[in-house]
PDB file of N, CA and C in Angstrom:
ATOM      1  N   MET A   1     -32.648 -28.342  20.990  1.00  0.00           N
ATOM      2  CA  MET A   1     -33.315 -27.076  21.251  1.00  0.00           C
ATOM      3  C   MET A   1     -32.880 -26.017  20.250  1.00  0.00           C
ATOM      4  N   GLN A   2     -31.577 -25.912  20.032  1.00  0.00           N
ATOM      5  CA  GLN A   2     -31.101 -24.884  19.117  1.00  0.00           C
ATOM      6  C   GLN A   2     -31.508 -25.170  17.680  1.00  0.00           C
ATOM      7  N   SER A   3     -31.507 -26.430  17.288  1.00  0.00           N
ATOM      8  CA  SER A   3     -31.897 -26.749  15.919  1.00  0.00           C
ATOM      9  C   SER A   3     -33.362 -26.416  15.678  1.00  0.00           C
ATOM     10  N   THR A   4     -34.197 -26.542  16.687  1.00  0.00           N
ATOM     11  CA  THR A   4     -35.607 -26.184  16.555  1.00  0.00           C
ATOM     12  C   THR A   4     -35.751 -24.694  16.276  1.00  0.00           C
ATOM     13  N   PHE A   5     -34.970 -23.888  16.962  1.00  0.00           N
ATOM     14  CA  PHE A   5     -35.008 -22.441  16.733  1.00  0.00           C
ATOM     15  C   PHE A   5     -34.618 -22.108  15.299  1.00  0.00           C
ATOM     16  N   TYR A   6     -33.557 -22.758  14.796  1.00  0.00           N
ATOM     17  CA  TYR A   6     -33.099 -22.481  13.440  1.00  0.00           C
ATOM     18  C   TYR A   6     -34.113 -22.949  12.399  1.00  0.00           C
ATOM     19  N   LEU A   7     -34.775 -24.066  12.662  1.00  0.00           N
ATOM     20  CA  LEU A   7     -35.812 -24.539  11.751  1.00  0.00           C
ATOM     21  C   LEU A   7     -37.022 -23.610  11.739  1.00  0.00           C
ATOM     22  N   ILE A   8     -37.383 -23.084  12.901  1.00  0.00           N
ATOM     23  CA  ILE A   8     -38.493 -22.130  12.968  1.00  0.00           C
ATOM     24  C   ILE A   8     -38.133 -20.852  12.232  1.00  0.00           C
ATOM     25  N   ALA A   9     -36.897 -20.381  12.400  1.00  0.00           N
ATOM     26  CA  ALA A   9     -36.442 -19.174  11.687  1.00  0.00           C
ATOM     27  C   ALA A   9     -36.471 -19.410  10.180  1.00  0.00           C
ATOM     28  N   TRP A  10     -36.049 -20.598   9.736  1.00  0.00           N
ATOM     29  CA  TRP A  10     -36.090 -20.918   8.315  1.00  0.00           C
ATOM     30  C   TRP A  10     -37.538 -20.958   7.820  1.00  0.00           C
ATOM     31  N   GLY A  11     -38.428 -21.510   8.623  1.00  0.00           N
ATOM     32  CA  GLY A  11     -39.846 -21.553   8.255  1.00  0.00           C
ATOM     33  C   GLY A  11     -40.455 -20.170   8.117  1.00  0.00           C
ATOM     34  N   VAL A  12     -40.055 -19.260   8.999  1.00  0.00           N
ATOM     35  CA  VAL A  12     -40.547 -17.884   8.911  1.00  0.00           C
ATOM     36  C   VAL A  12     -40.053 -17.233   7.616  1.00  0.00           C
ATOM     37  N   LEU A  13     -38.800 -17.490   7.262  1.00  0.00           N
ATOM     38  CA  LEU A  13     -38.269 -16.947   6.007  1.00  0.00           C
ATOM     39  C   LEU A  13     -39.000 -17.527   4.799  1.00  0.00           C
ATOM     40  N   VAL A  14     -39.330 -18.805   4.849  1.00  0.00           N
ATOM     41  CA  VAL A  14     -40.086 -19.425   3.757  1.00  0.00           C
ATOM     42  C   VAL A  14     -41.464 -18.778   3.637  1.00  0.00           C
ATOM     43  N   LEU A  15     -42.105 -18.533   4.764  1.00  0.00           N
ATOM     44  CA  LEU A  15     -43.416 -17.860   4.734  1.00  0.00           C
ATOM     45  C   LEU A  15     -43.304 -16.449   4.171  1.00  0.00           C
ATOM     46  N   ALA A  16     -42.207 -15.754   4.471  1.00  0.00           N
ATOM     47  CA  ALA A  16     -42.003 -14.412   3.924  1.00  0.00           C
ATOM     48  C   ALA A  16     -41.849 -14.471   2.405  1.00  0.00           C
ATOM     49  N   VAL A  17     -41.132 -15.476   1.907  1.00  0.00           N
ATOM     50  CA  VAL A  17     -40.984 -15.629   0.454  1.00  0.00           C
ATOM     51  C   VAL A  17     -42.342 -15.911  -0.187  1.00  0.00           C
ATOM     52  N   LEU A  18     -43.122 -16.767   0.434  1.00  0.00           N
ATOM     53  CA  LEU A  18     -44.452 -17.075  -0.101  1.00  0.00           C
ATOM     54  C   LEU A  18     -45.363 -15.856  -0.069  1.00  0.00           C
ATOM     55  N   ALA A  19     -45.261 -15.051   0.986  1.00  0.00           N
ATOM     56  CA  ALA A  19     -46.072 -13.828   1.070  1.00  0.00           C
ATOM     57  C   ALA A  19     -45.668 -12.844  -0.022  1.00  0.00           C
ATOM     58  N   LEU A  20     -44.365 -12.696  -0.256  1.00  0.00           N
ATOM     59  CA  LEU A  20     -43.914 -11.815  -1.336  1.00  0.00           C
ATOM     60  C   LEU A  20     -44.372 -12.325  -2.699  1.00  0.00           C
ATOM     61  N   ALA A  21     -44.349 -13.628  -2.893  1.00  0.00           N
ATOM     62  CA  ALA A  21     -44.812 -14.201  -4.159  1.00  0.00           C
ATOM     63  C   ALA A  21     -46.305 -13.927  -4.358  1.00  0.00           C
ATOM     64  N   GLY A  22     -47.076 -14.073  -3.300  1.00  0.00           N
ATOM     65  CA  GLY A  22     -48.505 -13.774  -3.388  1.00  0.00           C
ATOM     66  C   GLY A  22     -48.775 -12.309  -3.657  1.00  0.00           C
ATOM     67  N   TYR A  23     -48.006 -11.438  -3.024  1.00  0.00           N
ATOM     68  CA  TYR A  23     -48.159  -9.997  -3.244  1.00  0.00           C
ATOM     69  C   TYR A  23     -47.799  -9.632  -4.676  1.00  0.00           C
ATOM     70  N   ARG A  24     -46.724 -10.233  -5.193  1.00  0.00           N
ATOM     71  CA  ARG A  24     -46.328  -9.940  -6.567  1.00  0.00           C
ATOM     72  C   ARG A  24     -47.382 -10.450  -7.541  1.00  0.00           C
ATOM     73  N   LEU A  25     -47.965 -11.597  -7.241  1.00  0.00           N
ATOM     74  CA  LEU A  25     -49.028 -12.140  -8.084  1.00  0.00           C
ATOM     75  C   LEU A  25     -50.240 -11.222  -8.095  1.00  0.00           C
ATOM     76  N   SER A  26     -50.593 -10.690  -6.920  1.00  0.00           N
ATOM     77  CA  SER A  26     -51.738  -9.772  -6.874  1.00  0.00           C
ATOM     78  C   SER A  26     -51.435  -8.474  -7.616  1.00  0.00           C
ATOM     79  N   LEU A  27     -50.189  -8.030  -7.575  1.00  0.00           N
ATOM     80  CA  LEU A  27     -49.819  -6.832  -8.336  1.00  0.00           C
ATOM     81  C   LEU A  27     -49.870  -7.092  -9.836  1.00  0.00           C
ATOM     82  N   SER A  28     -49.429  -8.264 -10.240  1.00  0.00           N
ATOM     83  CA  SER A  28     -49.399  -8.557 -11.673  1.00  0.00           C
ATOM     84  C   SER A  28     -50.804  -8.709 -12.250  1.00  0.00           C
ATOM     85  N   HIS A  29     -51.779  -9.049 -11.412  1.00  0.00           N
ATOM     86  CA  HIS A  29     -53.162  -9.118 -11.899  1.00  0.00           C
ATOM     87  C   HIS A  29     -53.708  -7.732 -12.212  1.00  0.00           C
ATOM     88  N   LYS A  30     -53.182  -6.718 -11.561  1.00  0.00           N
ATOM     89  CA  LYS A  30     -53.610  -5.338 -11.819  1.00  0.00           C
ATOM     90  C   LYS A  30     -52.908  -4.741 -13.031  1.00  0.00           C
ATOM     91  N   GLU A  31     -51.856  -5.425 -13.506  1.00  0.00           N
ATOM     92  CA  GLU A  31     -51.054  -4.896 -14.606  1.00  0.00           C
ATOM     93  C   GLU A  31     -51.843  -4.948 -15.911  1.00  0.00           C
ATOM     94  N   ASP A  32     -51.726  -3.882 -16.677  1.00  0.00           N
ATOM     95  CA  ASP A  32     -52.390  -3.793 -17.973  1.00  0.00           C
ATOM     96  C   ASP A  32     -51.382  -4.180 -19.044  1.00  0.00           C
ATOM     97  N   ASP A  33     -51.749  -5.124 -19.896  1.00  0.00           N
ATOM     98  CA  ASP A  33     -50.829  -5.599 -20.929  1.00  0.00           C
ATOM     99  C   ASP A  33     -50.712  -4.635 -22.104  1.00  0.00           C
ATOM    100  N   VAL A  34     -51.609  -3.669 -22.196  1.00  0.00           N
ATOM    101  CA  VAL A  34     -51.601  -2.716 -23.292  1.00  0.00           C
ATOM    102  C   VAL A  34     -50.821  -1.483 -22.862  1.00  0.00           C
ATOM    103  N   LEU A  35     -49.894  -1.058 -23.703  1.00  0.00           N
ATOM    104  CA  LEU A  35     -49.107   0.132 -23.418  1.00  0.00           C
ATOM    105  C   LEU A  35     -49.870   1.348 -23.905  1.00  0.00           C
ATOM    106  N   HIS A  36     -50.238   2.233 -23.007  1.00  0.00           N
ATOM    107  CA  HIS A  36     -51.003   3.435 -23.351  1.00  0.00           C
ATOM    108  C   HIS A  36     -50.035   4.567 -23.647  1.00  0.00           C
ATOM    109  N   LEU A  37     -50.053   5.035 -24.892  1.00  0.00           N
ATOM    110  CA  LEU A  37     -49.134   6.074 -25.314  1.00  0.00           C
ATOM    111  C   LEU A  37     -49.815   7.420 -25.545  1.00  0.00           C
ATOM    112  N   ALA A  38     -51.126   7.441 -25.569  1.00  0.00           N
ATOM    113  CA  ALA A  38     -51.833   8.691 -25.844  1.00  0.00           C
ATOM    114  C   ALA A  38     -51.635   9.670 -24.702  1.00  0.00           C
ATOM    115  N   SER A  39     -51.426  10.927 -25.053  1.00  0.00           N
ATOM    116  CA  SER A  39     -51.179  11.940 -24.026  1.00  0.00           C
ATOM    117  C   SER A  39     -52.443  12.267 -23.238  1.00  0.00           C
ATOM    118  N   ALA A  40     -53.620  11.974 -23.807  1.00  0.00           N
ATOM    119  CA  ALA A  40     -54.866  12.233 -23.092  1.00  0.00           C
ATOM    120  C   ALA A  40     -55.021  11.298 -21.902  1.00  0.00           C
ATOM    121  N   GLU A  41     -54.371  10.186 -21.947  1.00  0.00           N
ATOM    122  CA  GLU A  41     -54.452   9.208 -20.861  1.00  0.00           C
ATOM    123  C   GLU A  41     -53.180   9.270 -20.008  1.00  0.00           C
ATOM    124  N   GLY A  42     -52.747  10.441 -19.651  1.00  0.00           N
ATOM    125  CA  GLY A  42     -51.517  10.620 -18.882  1.00  0.00           C
ATOM    126  C   GLY A  42     -51.561   9.927 -17.535  1.00  0.00           C
ATOM    127  N   GLY A  43     -52.745   9.835 -16.931  1.00  0.00           N
ATOM    128  CA  GLY A  43     -52.886   9.154 -15.656  1.00  0.00           C
ATOM    129  C   GLY A  43     -52.615   7.668 -15.773  1.00  0.00           C
ATOM    130  N   MET A  44     -52.999   7.098 -16.893  1.00  0.00           N
ATOM    131  CA  MET A  44     -52.765   5.667 -17.100  1.00  0.00           C
ATOM    132  C   MET A  44     -51.281   5.379 -17.295  1.00  0.00           C
ATOM    133  N   ILE A  45     -50.594   6.282 -17.974  1.00  0.00           N
ATOM    134  CA  ILE A  45     -49.163   6.086 -18.205  1.00  0.00           C
ATOM    135  C   ILE A  45     -48.412   6.127 -16.879  1.00  0.00           C
ATOM    136  N   SER A  46     -48.719   7.102 -16.047  1.00  0.00           N
ATOM    137  CA  SER A  46     -48.024   7.191 -14.759  1.00  0.00           C
ATOM    138  C   SER A  46     -48.403   6.017 -13.855  1.00  0.00           C
ATOM    139  N   GLY A  47     -49.650   5.570 -13.946  1.00  0.00           N
ATOM    140  CA  GLY A  47     -50.067   4.406 -13.159  1.00  0.00           C
ATOM    141  C   GLY A  47     -49.333   3.152 -13.575  1.00  0.00           C
ATOM    142  N   GLN A  48     -49.171   2.973 -14.896  1.00  0.00           N
ATOM    143  CA  GLN A  48     -48.424   1.820 -15.395  1.00  0.00           C
ATOM    144  C   GLN A  48     -46.969   1.887 -14.947  1.00  0.00           C
ATOM    145  N   THR A  49     -46.394   3.066 -14.976  1.00  0.00           N
ATOM    146  CA  THR A  49     -45.000   3.236 -14.575  1.00  0.00           C
ATOM    147  C   THR A  49     -44.819   2.929 -13.094  1.00  0.00           C
ATOM    148  N   GLU A  50     -45.730   3.421 -12.268  1.00  0.00           N
ATOM    149  CA  GLU A  50     -45.652   3.166 -10.827  1.00  0.00           C
ATOM    150  C   GLU A  50     -45.828   1.677 -10.515  1.00  0.00           C
ATOM    151  N   LEU A  51     -46.774   1.042 -11.190  1.00  0.00           N
ATOM    152  CA  LEU A  51     -47.014  -0.380 -10.958  1.00  0.00           C
ATOM    153  C   LEU A  51     -45.814  -1.215 -11.403  1.00  0.00           C
ATOM    154  N   ALA A  52     -45.225  -0.871 -12.541  1.00  0.00           N
ATOM    155  CA  ALA A  52     -44.048  -1.597 -13.021  1.00  0.00           C
ATOM    156  C   ALA A  52     -42.882  -1.433 -12.052  1.00  0.00           C
ATOM    157  N   ALA A  53     -42.717  -0.230 -11.501  1.00  0.00           N
ATOM    158  CA  ALA A  53     -41.636   0.002 -10.532  1.00  0.00           C
ATOM    159  C   ALA A  53     -41.879  -0.800  -9.264  1.00  0.00           C
ATOM    160  N   ARG A  54     -43.122  -0.856  -8.801  1.00  0.00           N
ATOM    161  CA  ARG A  54     -43.444  -1.620  -7.591  1.00  0.00           C
ATOM    162  C   ARG A  54     -43.216  -3.117  -7.813  1.00  0.00           C
ATOM    163  N   ILE A  55     -43.618  -3.622  -8.969  1.00  0.00           N
ATOM    164  CA  ILE A  55     -43.396  -5.033  -9.282  1.00  0.00           C
ATOM    165  C   ILE A  55     -41.903  -5.338  -9.338  1.00  0.00           C
ATOM    166  N   LYS A  56     -41.125  -4.416  -9.890  1.00  0.00           N
ATOM    167  CA  LYS A  56     -39.680  -4.620  -9.980  1.00  0.00           C
ATOM    168  C   LYS A  56     -39.046  -4.698  -8.593  1.00  0.00           C
ATOM    169  N   VAL A  57     -39.468  -3.828  -7.689  1.00  0.00           N
ATOM    170  CA  VAL A  57     -38.921  -3.838  -6.321  1.00  0.00           C
ATOM    171  C   VAL A  57     -39.301  -5.126  -5.597  1.00  0.00           C
ATOM    172  N   VAL A  58     -40.564  -5.528  -5.704  1.00  0.00           N
ATOM    173  CA  VAL A  58     -41.016  -6.754  -5.037  1.00  0.00           C
ATOM    174  C   VAL A  58     -40.296  -7.963  -5.616  1.00  0.00           C
ATOM    175  N   SER A  59     -40.079  -7.987  -6.926  1.00  0.00           N
ATOM    176  CA  SER A  59     -39.363  -9.101  -7.553  1.00  0.00           C
ATOM    177  C   SER A  59     -37.917  -9.164  -7.072  1.00  0.00           C
ATOM    178  N   ARG A  60     -37.277  -8.012  -6.933  1.00  0.00           N
ATOM    179  CA  ARG A  60     -35.891  -7.989  -6.469  1.00  0.00           C
ATOM    180  C   ARG A  60     -35.798  -8.504  -5.034  1.00  0.00           C
ATOM    181  N   TRP A  61     -36.693  -8.049  -4.160  1.00  0.00           N
ATOM    182  CA  TRP A  61     -36.696  -8.534  -2.774  1.00  0.00           C
ATOM    183  C   TRP A  61     -36.999 -10.031  -2.714  1.00  0.00           C
ATOM    184  N   GLY A  62     -37.940 -10.458  -3.547  1.00  0.00           N
ATOM    185  CA  GLY A  62     -38.297 -11.878  -3.567  1.00  0.00           C
ATOM    186  C   GLY A  62     -37.146 -12.754  -4.023  1.00  0.00           C
ATOM    187  N   ALA A  63     -36.434 -12.315  -5.044  1.00  0.00           N
ATOM    188  CA  ALA A  63     -35.297 -13.105  -5.540  1.00  0.00           C
ATOM    189  C   ALA A  63     -34.191 -13.168  -4.492  1.00  0.00           C
ATOM    190  N   GLY A  64     -33.895 -12.046  -3.875  1.00  0.00           N
ATOM    191  CA  GLY A  64     -32.849 -12.032  -2.845  1.00  0.00           C
ATOM    192  C   GLY A  64     -33.209 -12.895  -1.647  1.00  0.00           C
ATOM    193  N   LEU A  65     -34.448 -12.787  -1.211  1.00  0.00           N
ATOM    194  CA  LEU A  65     -34.883 -13.570  -0.064  1.00  0.00           C
ATOM    195  C   LEU A  65     -34.938 -15.060  -0.394  1.00  0.00           C
ATOM    196  N   THR A  66     -35.282 -15.392  -1.630  1.00  0.00           N
ATOM    197  CA  THR A  66     -35.288 -16.792  -2.051  1.00  0.00           C
ATOM    198  C   THR A  66     -33.878 -17.372  -2.006  1.00  0.00           C
ATOM    199  N   ILE A  67     -32.900 -16.608  -2.451  1.00  0.00           N
ATOM    200  CA  ILE A  67     -31.506 -17.063  -2.398  1.00  0.00           C
ATOM    201  C   ILE A  67     -31.086 -17.298  -0.950  1.00  0.00           C
ATOM    202  N   ILE A  68     -31.477 -16.393  -0.069  1.00  0.00           N
ATOM    203  CA  ILE A  68     -31.138 -16.533   1.353  1.00  0.00           C
ATOM    204  C   ILE A  68     -31.795 -17.781   1.939  1.00  0.00           C
ATOM    205  N   VAL A  69     -33.064 -18.013   1.609  1.00  0.00           N
ATOM    206  CA  VAL A  69     -33.789 -19.181   2.138  1.00  0.00           C
ATOM    207  C   VAL A  69     -33.148 -20.481   1.663  1.00  0.00           C
ATOM    208  N   VAL A  70     -32.790 -20.547   0.390  1.00  0.00           N
ATOM    209  CA  VAL A  70     -32.182 -21.766  -0.142  1.00  0.00           C
ATOM    210  C   VAL A  70     -30.813 -21.995   0.506  1.00  0.00           C
ATOM    211  N   ALA A  71     -30.004 -20.942   0.606  1.00  0.00           N
ATOM    212  CA  ALA A  71     -28.675 -21.085   1.217  1.00  0.00           C
ATOM    213  C   ALA A  71     -28.792 -21.491   2.679  1.00  0.00           C
ATOM    214  N   TYR A  72     -29.702 -20.871   3.404  1.00  0.00           N
ATOM    215  CA  TYR A  72     -29.906 -21.184   4.812  1.00  0.00           C
ATOM    216  C   TYR A  72     -30.380 -22.627   4.980  1.00  0.00           C
ATOM    217  N   GLY A  73     -31.283 -23.067   4.096  1.00  0.00           N
ATOM    218  CA  GLY A  73     -31.758 -24.443   4.143  1.00  0.00           C
ATOM    219  C   GLY A  73     -30.644 -25.439   3.865  1.00  0.00           C
ATOM    220  N   LEU A  74     -29.766 -25.113   2.915  1.00  0.00           N
ATOM    221  CA  LEU A  74     -28.642 -26.000   2.629  1.00  0.00           C
ATOM    222  C   LEU A  74     -27.671 -26.070   3.799  1.00  0.00           C
ATOM    223  N   VAL A  75     -27.460 -24.948   4.470  1.00  0.00           N
ATOM    224  CA  VAL A  75     -26.595 -24.948   5.655  1.00  0.00           C
ATOM    225  C   VAL A  75     -27.212 -25.804   6.756  1.00  0.00           C
ATOM    226  N   LEU A  76     -28.512 -25.681   6.972  1.00  0.00           N
ATOM    227  CA  LEU A  76     -29.178 -26.514   7.978  1.00  0.00           C
ATOM    228  C   LEU A  76     -29.085 -27.993   7.625  1.00  0.00           C
ATOM    229  N   LEU A  77     -29.260 -28.303   6.353  1.00  0.00           N
ATOM    230  CA  LEU A  77     -29.168 -29.689   5.916  1.00  0.00           C
ATOM    231  C   LEU A  77     -27.754 -30.229   6.103  1.00  0.00           C
ATOM    232  N   ALA A  78     -26.758 -29.427   5.778  1.00  0.00           N
ATOM    233  CA  ALA A  78     -25.367 -29.858   5.953  1.00  0.00           C
ATOM    234  C   ALA A  78     -25.046 -30.059   7.431  1.00  0.00           C
ATOM    235  N   GLN A  79     -25.555 -29.173   8.267  1.00  0.00           N
ATOM    236  CA  GLN A  79     -25.329 -29.301   9.705  1.00  0.00           C
ATOM    237  C   GLN A  79     -25.982 -30.561  10.241  1.00  0.00           C
ATOM    238  N   TYR A  80     -27.173 -30.865   9.771  1.00  0.00           N
ATOM    239  CA  TYR A  80     -27.866 -32.083  10.188  1.00  0.00           C
ATOM    240  C   TYR A  80     -27.103 -33.327   9.733  1.00  0.00           C
ATOM    241  N   GLY A  81     -26.639 -33.307   8.491  1.00  0.00           N
ATOM    242  CA  GLY A  81     -25.863 -34.432   7.985  1.00  0.00           C
ATOM    243  C   GLY A  81     -24.558 -34.616   8.740  1.00  0.00           C
ATOM    244  N   TYR A  82     -23.901 -33.518   9.064  1.00  0.00           N
ATOM    245  CA  TYR A  82     -22.653 -33.598   9.823  1.00  0.00           C
ATOM    246  C   TYR A  82     -22.900 -34.164  11.217  1.00  0.00           C
ATOM    247  N   THR A  83     -23.993 -33.758  11.831  1.00  0.00           N
ATOM    248  CA  THR A  83     -24.336 -34.271  13.159  1.00  0.00           C
ATOM    249  C   THR A  83     -24.580 -35.779  13.104  1.00  0.00           C
ATOM    250  N   LEU A  84     -25.315 -36.223  12.096  1.00  0.00           N
ATOM    251  CA  LEU A  84     -25.540 -37.663  11.943  1.00  0.00           C
ATOM    252  C   LEU A  84     -24.230 -38.400  11.713  1.00  0.00           C
ATOM    253  N   TRP A  85     -23.359 -37.829  10.918  1.00  0.00           N
ATOM    254  CA  TRP A  85     -22.100 -38.478  10.590  1.00  0.00           C
ATOM    255  C   TRP A  85     -21.188 -38.578  11.812  1.00  0.00           C
ATOM    256  N   THR A  86     -21.094 -37.494  12.602  1.00  0.00           N
ATOM    257  CA  THR A  86     -20.199 -37.509  13.764  1.00  0.00           C
ATOM    258  C   THR A  86     -20.737 -38.387  14.879  1.00  0.00           C
ATOM    259  N   GLN A  87     -22.040 -38.431  15.050  1.00  0.00           N
ATOM    260  CA  GLN A  87     -22.617 -39.253  16.114  1.00  0.00           C
ATOM    261  C   GLN A  87     -22.757 -40.704  15.677  1.00  0.00           C
ATOM    262  N   GLY A  88     -22.725 -40.915  14.405  1.00  0.00           N
ATOM    263  CA  GLY A  88     -22.910 -42.265  13.898  1.00  0.00           C
ATOM    264  C   GLY A  88     -24.386 -42.621  13.888  1.00  0.00           C
ATOM    265  N   TYR A  89     -24.827 -43.142  12.787  1.00  0.00           N
ATOM    266  CA  TYR A  89     -26.227 -43.524  12.695  1.00  0.00           C
ATOM    267  C   TYR A  89     -26.425 -44.870  13.370  1.00  0.00           C
ATOM    268  N   ARG A  90     -27.311 -44.883  14.337  1.00  0.00           N
ATOM    269  CA  ARG A  90     -27.613 -46.114  15.057  1.00  0.00           C
ATOM    270  C   ARG A  90     -29.046 -46.534  14.723  1.00  0.00           C
ATOM    271  N   SER A  91     -29.158 -47.626  14.019  1.00  0.00           N
ATOM    272  CA  SER A  91     -30.492 -48.087  13.666  1.00  0.00           C
ATOM    273  C   SER A  91     -31.100 -48.851  14.828  1.00  0.00           C
ATOM    274  N   PRO A  92     -32.382 -48.697  15.042  1.00  0.00           N
ATOM    275  CA  PRO A  92     -33.040 -49.435  16.131  1.00  0.00           C
ATOM    276  C   PRO A  92     -33.092 -50.923  15.801  1.00  0.00           C
ATOM    277  N   GLN A  93     -32.844 -51.747  16.824  1.00  0.00           N
ATOM    278  CA  GLN A  93     -32.823 -53.193  16.588  1.00  0.00           C
ATOM    279  C   GLN A  93     -33.902 -53.882  17.362  1.00  0.00           C
TER     280      GLN A  93
END
């Protein structure tokens, strides 16, 4: 019962990482590859700056959450392996 809860929690974290990746991808599609330096296009410069800042924040959250998901998954895997080892693997005959 408890392992099911931990697996569901890990699955929710994986979905959050995937959602952040999708959001970052949608933001990067709006990104303009050309750097606008003309002062007449001041709105474009501020828009590029805001978009770059938003992408940076989403990337930082995504990287941190990915590290947490991988570490949590490794802990679950180690716990599962330890349980198998202590109980002894019994093959069906």
